[in-house]
N, C-alpha and C. Protein backbone atom coordinates (compact mmCIF):
# COMPACT_ATOMS: atom_id res chain seq x y z
N MET A 1 -10.12 17.55 31.91
CA MET A 1 -10.63 18.44 30.50
C MET A 1 -8.85 18.13 29.40
N ALA A 2 -7.77 18.70 29.96
CA ALA A 2 -6.88 18.50 29.27
C ALA A 2 -6.39 17.04 28.62
N GLN A 3 -6.89 16.34 29.21
CA GLN A 3 -6.31 14.66 28.78
C GLN A 3 -7.45 14.48 27.55
N LYS A 4 -8.79 14.79 27.44
CA LYS A 4 -10.08 14.74 26.61
C LYS A 4 -9.15 15.39 25.31
N ASN A 5 -8.48 16.52 25.16
CA ASN A 5 -7.91 17.27 24.06
C ASN A 5 -6.98 16.07 23.16
N ASN A 6 -6.23 15.32 24.15
CA ASN A 6 -5.00 14.58 23.78
C ASN A 6 -5.26 13.61 23.38
N LYS A 7 -6.64 12.97 23.75
CA LYS A 7 -7.17 11.76 23.06
C LYS A 7 -8.56 11.99 21.65
N GLU A 8 -8.16 12.77 21.66
CA GLU A 8 -9.02 13.20 20.33
C GLU A 8 -8.78 12.24 18.96
N LYS A 9 -10.03 12.08 18.68
CA LYS A 9 -9.80 11.06 17.38
C LYS A 9 -9.02 11.78 16.30
N LYS A 10 -7.78 10.87 15.61
CA LYS A 10 -7.38 11.72 14.60
C LYS A 10 -7.88 11.54 13.26
N THR A 11 -8.44 12.29 12.63
CA THR A 11 -9.03 12.10 11.10
C THR A 11 -8.02 12.18 10.05
N GLY A 12 -8.10 11.74 9.04
CA GLY A 12 -7.36 11.65 7.98
C GLY A 12 -7.09 10.31 7.79
N LEU A 13 -5.99 10.29 6.46
CA LEU A 13 -6.15 8.82 5.82
C LEU A 13 -5.45 8.29 6.73
N PRO A 14 -5.84 6.97 6.46
CA PRO A 14 -5.11 5.35 7.59
C PRO A 14 -4.21 5.14 6.82
N PHE A 15 -3.66 5.17 5.24
CA PHE A 15 -2.59 5.01 5.13
C PHE A 15 -1.35 6.12 5.44
N GLY A 16 -0.11 5.75 5.01
CA GLY A 16 1.26 6.20 5.42
C GLY A 16 1.76 6.50 3.64
N PRO A 17 2.83 7.27 3.83
CA PRO A 17 3.54 7.14 2.37
C PRO A 17 3.96 5.96 1.92
N ARG A 18 4.38 5.04 3.19
CA ARG A 18 4.94 3.66 2.85
C ARG A 18 3.94 2.58 1.96
N ASN A 19 2.64 2.76 2.42
CA ASN A 19 1.57 2.37 2.27
C ASN A 19 0.98 2.74 0.37
N TYR A 20 1.49 3.89 0.45
CA TYR A 20 1.09 4.35 -1.23
C TYR A 20 2.19 3.89 -2.09
N MET A 21 3.75 3.92 -1.55
CA MET A 21 4.53 3.44 -2.64
C MET A 21 4.59 1.95 -3.04
N ILE A 22 3.72 0.93 -1.93
CA ILE A 22 3.59 -0.13 -2.26
C ILE A 22 2.80 -0.36 -3.21
N MET A 23 1.82 0.18 -2.93
CA MET A 23 0.60 0.25 -4.10
C MET A 23 0.91 0.99 -5.20
N GLY A 24 1.91 1.66 -5.31
CA GLY A 24 2.10 2.58 -6.57
C GLY A 24 2.99 1.08 -7.26
N ALA A 25 3.96 0.79 -6.35
CA ALA A 25 4.37 -0.10 -7.22
C ALA A 25 3.86 -1.58 -7.96
N ALA A 26 2.82 -1.97 -6.95
CA ALA A 26 1.72 -3.11 -7.48
C ALA A 26 1.25 -2.22 -8.91
N LEU A 27 0.80 -1.00 -9.05
CA LEU A 27 -0.03 -0.35 -10.22
C LEU A 27 1.02 -0.59 -11.12
N VAL A 28 2.26 -0.32 -11.16
CA VAL A 28 3.53 -0.46 -12.14
C VAL A 28 3.74 -1.38 -12.81
N MET A 29 3.19 -2.69 -11.80
CA MET A 29 3.88 -4.21 -12.13
C MET A 29 2.59 -4.47 -13.01
N ILE A 30 1.43 -4.41 -12.65
CA ILE A 30 0.23 -4.67 -13.19
C ILE A 30 0.33 -4.37 -14.64
N ILE A 31 0.49 -2.59 -14.86
CA ILE A 31 0.99 -2.30 -15.99
C ILE A 31 1.89 -2.73 -17.14
N ILE A 32 2.72 -3.16 -16.55
CA ILE A 32 4.15 -3.73 -17.30
C ILE A 32 4.00 -5.35 -17.63
N GLY A 33 2.70 -5.67 -16.37
CA GLY A 33 2.05 -7.04 -16.62
C GLY A 33 1.40 -7.34 -18.22
N TYR A 34 0.49 -6.02 -18.16
CA TYR A 34 -0.78 -6.45 -19.12
C TYR A 34 0.07 -6.02 -20.41
N PHE A 35 1.04 -4.87 -20.33
CA PHE A 35 2.06 -4.39 -21.72
C PHE A 35 2.91 -5.85 -21.93
N SER A 36 3.20 -6.55 -21.34
CA SER A 36 3.87 -7.93 -21.50
C SER A 36 2.71 -9.06 -22.03
N LEU A 37 1.42 -8.73 -21.53
CA LEU A 37 0.48 -10.00 -22.15
C LEU A 37 0.12 -9.59 -23.26
N ASN A 38 0.27 -8.63 -23.77
CA ASN A 38 -0.06 -7.48 -24.79
C ASN A 38 0.86 -7.83 -26.14
N SER A 39 2.27 -8.08 -25.48
CA SER A 39 2.94 -8.75 -26.63
C SER A 39 3.56 -9.62 -26.63
N GLY A 40 2.53 -10.88 -25.93
CA GLY A 40 2.67 -12.17 -26.26
C GLY A 40 3.36 -12.99 -25.33
N SER A 41 3.78 -12.59 -24.31
CA SER A 41 4.90 -13.28 -22.85
C SER A 41 3.35 -14.05 -22.14
N ILE A 42 4.07 -15.49 -22.16
CA ILE A 42 2.87 -16.19 -21.54
C ILE A 42 3.12 -16.79 -19.98
N THR A 43 4.97 -16.06 -19.82
CA THR A 43 4.86 -16.72 -18.55
C THR A 43 5.41 -15.56 -17.28
N LEU A 44 6.06 -14.15 -17.85
CA LEU A 44 6.38 -13.17 -17.79
C LEU A 44 5.28 -12.52 -16.80
N ALA A 45 3.92 -12.21 -18.27
CA ALA A 45 2.66 -11.66 -17.91
C ALA A 45 1.71 -12.10 -16.54
N PRO A 46 1.45 -13.30 -16.35
CA PRO A 46 1.11 -13.60 -15.58
C PRO A 46 1.56 -13.87 -13.91
N ILE A 47 3.00 -13.71 -14.15
CA ILE A 47 3.86 -13.74 -13.30
C ILE A 47 3.28 -12.06 -12.31
N LEU A 48 3.95 -11.38 -13.33
CA LEU A 48 3.77 -9.91 -12.75
C LEU A 48 2.33 -9.59 -12.58
N LEU A 49 1.12 -10.02 -13.12
CA LEU A 49 -0.18 -9.69 -12.99
C LEU A 49 -0.68 -10.26 -11.23
N VAL A 50 -0.19 -11.52 -11.14
CA VAL A 50 -0.27 -12.20 -9.82
C VAL A 50 0.25 -11.67 -8.83
N LEU A 51 1.59 -11.36 -8.87
CA LEU A 51 2.25 -10.43 -7.98
C LEU A 51 1.82 -9.16 -7.65
N GLY A 52 1.18 -8.43 -8.60
CA GLY A 52 0.62 -7.12 -8.50
C GLY A 52 -0.60 -7.44 -7.75
N TYR A 53 -1.81 -8.32 -8.18
CA TYR A 53 -2.96 -8.02 -7.65
C TYR A 53 -3.29 -8.98 -6.49
N CYS A 54 -2.18 -10.10 -5.87
CA CYS A 54 -2.48 -10.84 -4.79
C CYS A 54 -1.47 -10.68 -3.78
N VAL A 55 -0.31 -10.18 -4.26
CA VAL A 55 0.80 -9.88 -3.07
C VAL A 55 1.22 -8.26 -3.04
N LEU A 56 1.10 -7.72 -3.60
CA LEU A 56 1.53 -6.16 -3.57
C LEU A 56 0.07 -5.27 -3.03
N PHE A 57 -0.54 -5.40 -3.66
CA PHE A 57 -2.09 -4.88 -3.20
C PHE A 57 -2.52 -5.11 -1.84
N PRO A 58 -2.66 -6.32 -1.58
CA PRO A 58 -3.11 -6.46 -0.34
C PRO A 58 -1.82 -6.14 0.79
N LEU A 59 -0.76 -6.35 0.47
CA LEU A 59 0.75 -5.66 1.55
C LEU A 59 0.39 -4.45 1.65
N GLY A 60 -0.06 -3.52 0.80
CA GLY A 60 0.06 -2.08 0.56
C GLY A 60 -1.53 -1.77 1.72
N ILE A 61 -2.27 -2.52 1.32
CA ILE A 61 -3.29 -2.17 2.23
C ILE A 61 -3.24 -2.71 3.53
N ILE A 62 -2.70 -3.75 4.21
CA ILE A 62 -2.75 -4.58 5.36
C ILE A 62 -1.15 -3.50 5.93
N TRP A 63 -0.51 -3.08 5.46
CA TRP A 63 0.80 -3.02 6.07
C TRP A 63 0.34 -1.80 7.16
N GLY A 64 1.37 -1.54 8.25
CA GLY A 64 0.84 -1.28 9.00
C GLY A 64 1.20 0.20 9.03
N GLY A 65 0.56 1.66 9.46
CA GLY A 65 0.74 2.67 9.66
C GLY A 65 1.97 3.25 9.67
N SER A 66 2.44 4.44 9.23
CA SER A 66 4.09 4.54 10.14
C SER A 66 4.21 4.85 11.49
N ARG A 67 5.23 4.17 12.12
CA ARG A 67 5.56 4.32 13.28
C ARG A 67 5.71 5.27 13.91
N ASP A 68 6.25 6.56 13.46
CA ASP A 68 6.15 8.10 13.79
C ASP A 68 5.07 8.25 14.66
N GLU A 69 4.24 8.42 13.51
CA GLU A 69 2.73 9.09 13.81
C GLU A 69 2.34 8.15 15.02
N ALA A 70 2.92 7.29 15.59
CA ALA A 70 2.18 6.20 16.57
C ALA A 70 2.70 6.62 17.72
N GLU A 71 4.23 7.21 17.61
CA GLU A 71 5.31 7.34 18.93
C GLU A 71 4.68 9.04 19.08
N ASP A 72 4.37 9.49 18.40
CA ASP A 72 4.05 11.16 18.86
C ASP A 72 2.86 11.11 19.34
N THR A 73 1.99 10.57 19.07
CA THR A 73 0.69 10.27 20.03
C THR A 73 0.71 10.06 21.33
N GLY A 74 1.88 8.86 21.72
CA GLY A 74 2.05 8.45 22.64
C GLY A 74 1.51 7.01 23.13
N GLU A 75 1.45 6.48 21.52
CA GLU A 75 0.64 5.03 22.03
C GLU A 75 1.73 3.77 21.62
């Protein structure tokens, strides 16, 4: 019975602080990209927008959870 309590399903958000930092950086990059697009930049704006949408957001989603949480549960 004691082992069942140790293996209970964890509830909570699947993202760790690192995921939110990466997605926050993506959001900042996208906002800067749109502001530079509004000012007329035809080279910097697309680069920032592609990096924000196609690199940082997916990276923030698929990046593994924090290793400290996995070590605490014994996995």
